[in-house]
């Protein structure tokens, strides 16, 4: 039987969702969350399915990313747990953000 990983979200995700919802109608928000939950279900079964994030000069990190519509979900795998760290716009340079650099 396959291992199902636990899914944990950091508190910054609430802020990220609020920011995202500002640009969406209520119906679009529901669809966005429904699709995201489907991806999370797959992620819990196959956490290494999505690609690693790369930092300057192709140095890999322990972070992985999921592209969902116009957003990037950054997560990390540790033992039997997946931690969702942030959801950022694809236009945002998250690799240069203070959050990402301080976590390296």
N, C-alpha and C. Protein backbone atom coordinates (compact mmCIF):
# COMPACT_ATOMS: atom_id res chain seq x y z
N UNK A 1 0.84 -1.19 0.00
CA UNK A 1 0.00 0.00 0.00
C UNK A 1 0.88 1.25 0.00
N UNK A 2 0.48 2.23 -0.79
CA UNK A 2 1.25 3.47 -0.89
C UNK A 2 1.13 4.30 0.38
N UNK A 3 2.20 5.00 0.69
CA UNK A 3 2.19 5.89 1.83
C UNK A 3 1.45 7.18 1.46
N UNK A 4 0.59 7.63 2.33
CA UNK A 4 -0.10 8.90 2.15
C UNK A 4 0.57 9.89 3.10
N UNK A 5 1.11 10.96 2.54
CA UNK A 5 1.81 11.96 3.33
C UNK A 5 0.82 12.92 3.99
N UNK A 6 1.21 13.42 5.14
CA UNK A 6 0.42 14.45 5.82
C UNK A 6 0.65 15.76 5.09
N UNK A 7 -0.35 16.60 5.10
CA UNK A 7 -0.24 17.90 4.45
C UNK A 7 -0.40 18.99 5.49
N UNK A 8 0.58 19.86 5.57
CA UNK A 8 0.56 20.97 6.54
C UNK A 8 0.73 22.26 5.75
N UNK A 9 0.00 23.29 6.16
CA UNK A 9 0.13 24.59 5.51
C UNK A 9 0.60 25.61 6.53
N UNK A 10 1.58 26.39 6.14
CA UNK A 10 2.04 27.45 7.04
C UNK A 10 1.01 28.57 7.10
N UNK A 11 1.06 29.35 8.15
CA UNK A 11 0.05 30.40 8.35
C UNK A 11 0.09 31.48 7.27
N UNK A 12 1.21 31.64 6.58
CA UNK A 12 1.32 32.62 5.49
C UNK A 12 0.38 32.30 4.33
N UNK A 13 -0.06 31.07 4.26
CA UNK A 13 -0.96 30.66 3.18
C UNK A 13 -2.28 31.43 3.26
N UNK A 14 -2.75 31.72 4.46
CA UNK A 14 -3.99 32.49 4.63
C UNK A 14 -3.84 33.86 3.97
N UNK A 15 -2.74 34.50 4.22
CA UNK A 15 -2.45 35.80 3.59
C UNK A 15 -2.39 35.65 2.07
N UNK A 16 -1.72 34.61 1.60
CA UNK A 16 -1.60 34.38 0.16
C UNK A 16 -2.97 34.17 -0.48
N UNK A 17 -3.82 33.37 0.15
CA UNK A 17 -5.17 33.13 -0.38
C UNK A 17 -5.98 34.42 -0.41
N UNK A 18 -5.90 35.20 0.65
CA UNK A 18 -6.63 36.46 0.68
C UNK A 18 -6.21 37.38 -0.46
N UNK A 19 -4.94 37.42 -0.71
CA UNK A 19 -4.39 38.24 -1.78
C UNK A 19 -4.89 37.75 -3.15
N UNK A 20 -4.90 36.44 -3.35
CA UNK A 20 -5.35 35.84 -4.60
C UNK A 20 -6.85 36.09 -4.81
N UNK A 21 -7.64 35.93 -3.75
CA UNK A 21 -9.09 36.05 -3.86
C UNK A 21 -9.54 37.46 -4.26
N UNK A 22 -8.73 38.45 -4.01
CA UNK A 22 -9.08 39.82 -4.38
C UNK A 22 -9.33 39.96 -5.87
N UNK A 23 -8.71 39.10 -6.66
CA UNK A 23 -8.78 39.21 -8.11
C UNK A 23 -9.74 38.21 -8.74
N UNK A 24 -10.52 37.51 -7.92
CA UNK A 24 -11.40 36.47 -8.44
C UNK A 24 -12.83 36.65 -7.97
N UNK A 25 -13.75 36.26 -8.82
CA UNK A 25 -15.15 36.21 -8.41
C UNK A 25 -15.33 35.03 -7.46
N UNK A 26 -16.47 34.97 -6.81
CA UNK A 26 -16.73 33.89 -5.87
C UNK A 26 -16.73 32.53 -6.57
N UNK A 27 -17.33 32.45 -7.76
CA UNK A 27 -17.35 31.19 -8.51
C UNK A 27 -15.94 30.76 -8.91
N UNK A 28 -15.15 31.72 -9.32
CA UNK A 28 -13.76 31.43 -9.71
C UNK A 28 -12.95 30.96 -8.50
N UNK A 29 -13.20 31.55 -7.35
CA UNK A 29 -12.52 31.13 -6.12
C UNK A 29 -12.82 29.68 -5.80
N UNK A 30 -14.09 29.31 -5.90
CA UNK A 30 -14.50 27.93 -5.62
C UNK A 30 -13.82 26.96 -6.59
N UNK A 31 -13.79 27.31 -7.86
CA UNK A 31 -13.16 26.45 -8.86
C UNK A 31 -11.65 26.34 -8.61
N UNK A 32 -11.03 27.45 -8.28
CA UNK A 32 -9.60 27.49 -7.99
C UNK A 32 -9.27 26.54 -6.83
N UNK A 33 -10.04 26.63 -5.76
CA UNK A 33 -9.80 25.81 -4.58
C UNK A 33 -10.09 24.33 -4.87
N UNK A 34 -11.13 24.07 -5.63
CA UNK A 34 -11.45 22.69 -6.00
C UNK A 34 -10.30 22.05 -6.78
N UNK A 35 -9.78 22.77 -7.77
CA UNK A 35 -8.65 22.27 -8.56
C UNK A 35 -7.40 22.10 -7.70
N UNK A 36 -7.19 23.03 -6.81
CA UNK A 36 -6.03 22.99 -5.92
C UNK A 36 -6.12 21.77 -4.99
N UNK A 37 -7.29 21.50 -4.47
CA UNK A 37 -7.48 20.33 -3.61
C UNK A 37 -7.20 19.03 -4.36
N UNK A 38 -7.57 18.99 -5.63
CA UNK A 38 -7.27 17.81 -6.45
C UNK A 38 -5.76 17.62 -6.57
N UNK A 39 -5.04 18.71 -6.81
CA UNK A 39 -3.57 18.63 -6.89
C UNK A 39 -2.97 18.21 -5.56
N UNK A 40 -3.53 18.70 -4.47
CA UNK A 40 -3.02 18.32 -3.15
C UNK A 40 -3.25 16.85 -2.86
N UNK A 41 -4.35 16.31 -3.33
CA UNK A 41 -4.64 14.89 -3.16
C UNK A 41 -3.57 14.04 -3.87
N UNK A 42 -3.24 14.43 -5.07
CA UNK A 42 -2.19 13.74 -5.84
C UNK A 42 -0.85 13.92 -5.15
N UNK A 43 -0.58 15.12 -4.69
CA UNK A 43 0.67 15.43 -4.00
C UNK A 43 0.87 14.56 -2.77
N UNK A 44 -0.18 14.31 -2.02
CA UNK A 44 -0.08 13.49 -0.81
C UNK A 44 0.32 12.05 -1.13
N UNK A 45 0.02 11.60 -2.33
CA UNK A 45 0.37 10.24 -2.73
C UNK A 45 1.73 10.18 -3.43
N UNK A 46 2.05 11.25 -4.17
CA UNK A 46 3.30 11.28 -4.94
C UNK A 46 3.98 12.63 -4.77
N UNK A 47 4.59 12.87 -3.64
CA UNK A 47 5.15 14.19 -3.34
C UNK A 47 6.31 14.62 -4.24
N UNK A 48 6.97 13.67 -4.86
CA UNK A 48 8.10 14.03 -5.73
C UNK A 48 7.70 14.17 -7.19
N UNK A 49 6.41 14.17 -7.44
CA UNK A 49 5.89 14.29 -8.80
C UNK A 49 6.26 15.63 -9.43
N UNK A 50 6.19 16.68 -8.64
CA UNK A 50 6.43 18.02 -9.16
C UNK A 50 7.91 18.39 -9.07
N UNK A 51 8.31 19.29 -9.93
CA UNK A 51 9.74 19.59 -10.06
C UNK A 51 10.31 20.38 -8.89
N UNK A 52 11.60 20.26 -8.74
CA UNK A 52 12.33 21.02 -7.72
C UNK A 52 12.45 22.47 -8.16
N UNK A 53 12.56 23.34 -7.19
CA UNK A 53 12.85 24.75 -7.48
C UNK A 53 14.35 24.89 -7.56
N UNK A 54 14.77 25.75 -8.41
CA UNK A 54 16.21 25.98 -8.57
C UNK A 54 16.55 27.40 -8.16
N UNK A 55 17.68 27.51 -7.51
CA UNK A 55 18.18 28.79 -7.07
C UNK A 55 19.29 29.19 -8.04
N UNK A 56 19.88 30.33 -7.83
CA UNK A 56 20.90 30.86 -8.74
C UNK A 56 21.84 29.78 -9.28
N UNK A 57 22.11 29.86 -10.55
CA UNK A 57 23.04 28.98 -11.26
C UNK A 57 22.67 27.50 -11.13
N UNK A 58 21.39 27.24 -11.19
CA UNK A 58 20.88 25.86 -11.23
C UNK A 58 21.21 25.03 -9.99
N UNK A 59 21.49 25.67 -8.88
CA UNK A 59 21.71 24.93 -7.65
C UNK A 59 20.35 24.49 -7.13
N UNK A 60 20.16 23.22 -6.96
CA UNK A 60 18.84 22.76 -6.52
C UNK A 60 18.66 22.99 -5.02
N UNK A 61 17.42 23.11 -4.63
CA UNK A 61 17.06 23.25 -3.23
C UNK A 61 16.18 22.06 -2.85
N UNK A 62 15.77 22.02 -1.61
CA UNK A 62 14.85 20.97 -1.17
C UNK A 62 13.40 21.36 -1.43
N UNK A 63 13.20 22.51 -2.02
CA UNK A 63 11.86 22.99 -2.31
C UNK A 63 11.38 22.45 -3.65
N UNK A 64 10.09 22.23 -3.72
CA UNK A 64 9.47 21.82 -4.98
C UNK A 64 8.36 22.82 -5.27
N UNK A 65 7.89 22.77 -6.52
CA UNK A 65 6.84 23.73 -6.88
C UNK A 65 5.79 23.09 -7.78
N UNK A 66 4.58 23.56 -7.57
CA UNK A 66 3.45 23.14 -8.39
C UNK A 66 2.97 24.40 -9.10
N UNK A 67 2.76 24.31 -10.38
CA UNK A 67 2.18 25.44 -11.10
C UNK A 67 0.68 25.19 -11.17
N UNK A 68 -0.06 26.17 -10.69
CA UNK A 68 -1.53 26.07 -10.67
C UNK A 68 -2.09 27.38 -11.22
N UNK A 69 -2.62 27.29 -12.42
CA UNK A 69 -3.09 28.47 -13.14
C UNK A 69 -1.94 29.48 -13.23
N UNK A 70 -2.12 30.65 -12.65
CA UNK A 70 -1.07 31.68 -12.72
C UNK A 70 -0.30 31.79 -11.41
N UNK A 71 -0.28 30.71 -10.66
CA UNK A 71 0.34 30.73 -9.34
C UNK A 71 1.31 29.56 -9.17
N UNK A 72 2.25 29.77 -8.27
CA UNK A 72 3.24 28.74 -7.95
C UNK A 72 3.09 28.40 -6.47
N UNK A 73 2.91 27.12 -6.21
CA UNK A 73 2.80 26.64 -4.84
C UNK A 73 4.15 26.04 -4.46
N UNK A 74 4.75 26.58 -3.43
CA UNK A 74 6.07 26.13 -3.00
C UNK A 74 5.89 25.22 -1.79
N UNK A 75 6.52 24.05 -1.86
CA UNK A 75 6.38 23.11 -0.75
C UNK A 75 7.69 22.38 -0.50
N UNK A 76 7.73 21.73 0.66
CA UNK A 76 8.91 20.99 1.07
C UNK A 76 8.46 19.65 1.65
N UNK A 77 9.23 18.61 1.39
CA UNK A 77 8.94 17.28 1.91
C UNK A 77 9.91 16.98 3.05
N UNK A 78 9.36 16.52 4.15
CA UNK A 78 10.21 16.12 5.27
C UNK A 78 9.60 14.88 5.91
N UNK A 79 10.31 13.78 5.80
CA UNK A 79 9.83 12.49 6.29
C UNK A 79 8.48 12.17 5.67
N UNK A 80 7.44 12.06 6.48
CA UNK A 80 6.12 11.71 5.94
C UNK A 80 5.18 12.91 5.88
N UNK A 81 5.76 14.11 5.82
CA UNK A 81 4.95 15.32 5.81
C UNK A 81 5.34 16.25 4.66
N UNK A 82 4.33 16.86 4.08
CA UNK A 82 4.52 17.86 3.03
C UNK A 82 4.07 19.19 3.64
N UNK A 83 4.94 20.18 3.58
CA UNK A 83 4.60 21.49 4.11
C UNK A 83 4.45 22.46 2.96
N UNK A 84 3.26 23.03 2.84
CA UNK A 84 3.01 24.05 1.83
C UNK A 84 3.49 25.37 2.43
N UNK A 85 4.47 25.98 1.77
CA UNK A 85 5.11 27.16 2.33
C UNK A 85 4.47 28.46 1.85
N UNK A 86 4.25 28.58 0.56
CA UNK A 86 3.71 29.81 0.00
C UNK A 86 2.97 29.52 -1.30
N UNK A 87 2.09 30.42 -1.65
CA UNK A 87 1.46 30.44 -2.96
C UNK A 87 1.71 31.84 -3.50
N UNK A 88 2.45 31.92 -4.59
CA UNK A 88 2.84 33.21 -5.14
C UNK A 88 2.43 33.31 -6.61
N UNK A 89 2.31 34.51 -7.07
CA UNK A 89 2.00 34.75 -8.48
C UNK A 89 3.20 34.32 -9.34
N UNK A 90 2.89 33.81 -10.53
CA UNK A 90 3.99 33.42 -11.42
C UNK A 90 4.83 34.62 -11.84
N UNK A 91 4.27 35.81 -11.71
CA UNK A 91 4.99 37.03 -12.07
C UNK A 91 5.97 37.46 -10.98
N UNK A 92 5.75 36.97 -9.79
CA UNK A 92 6.60 37.32 -8.65
C UNK A 92 7.89 36.52 -8.70
N UNK A 93 8.99 37.16 -8.44
CA UNK A 93 10.27 36.47 -8.43
C UNK A 93 10.51 35.91 -7.03
N UNK A 94 9.87 34.79 -6.75
CA UNK A 94 9.95 34.22 -5.41
C UNK A 94 11.35 33.77 -5.03
N UNK A 95 12.18 33.43 -6.01
CA UNK A 95 13.55 33.00 -5.72
C UNK A 95 14.37 34.12 -5.10
N UNK A 96 14.01 35.35 -5.41
CA UNK A 96 14.74 36.51 -4.87
C UNK A 96 14.08 37.06 -3.60
N UNK A 97 12.97 36.49 -3.21
CA UNK A 97 12.26 37.01 -2.04
C UNK A 97 13.03 36.73 -0.75
N UNK A 98 12.78 37.56 0.22
CA UNK A 98 13.41 37.42 1.53
C UNK A 98 13.06 36.06 2.14
N UNK A 99 11.83 35.63 1.99
CA UNK A 99 11.38 34.35 2.53
C UNK A 99 12.22 33.19 1.98
N UNK A 100 12.38 33.18 0.68
CA UNK A 100 13.06 32.06 0.05
C UNK A 100 14.54 32.05 0.40
N UNK A 101 15.18 33.18 0.33
CA UNK A 101 16.61 33.25 0.64
C UNK A 101 16.91 32.88 2.09
N UNK A 102 16.05 33.29 2.99
CA UNK A 102 16.30 32.99 4.41
C UNK A 102 16.09 31.52 4.73
N UNK A 103 15.41 30.81 3.84
CA UNK A 103 15.15 29.39 4.07
C UNK A 103 16.19 28.48 3.46
N UNK A 104 17.13 29.03 2.73
CA UNK A 104 18.15 28.20 2.08
C UNK A 104 19.19 27.75 3.08
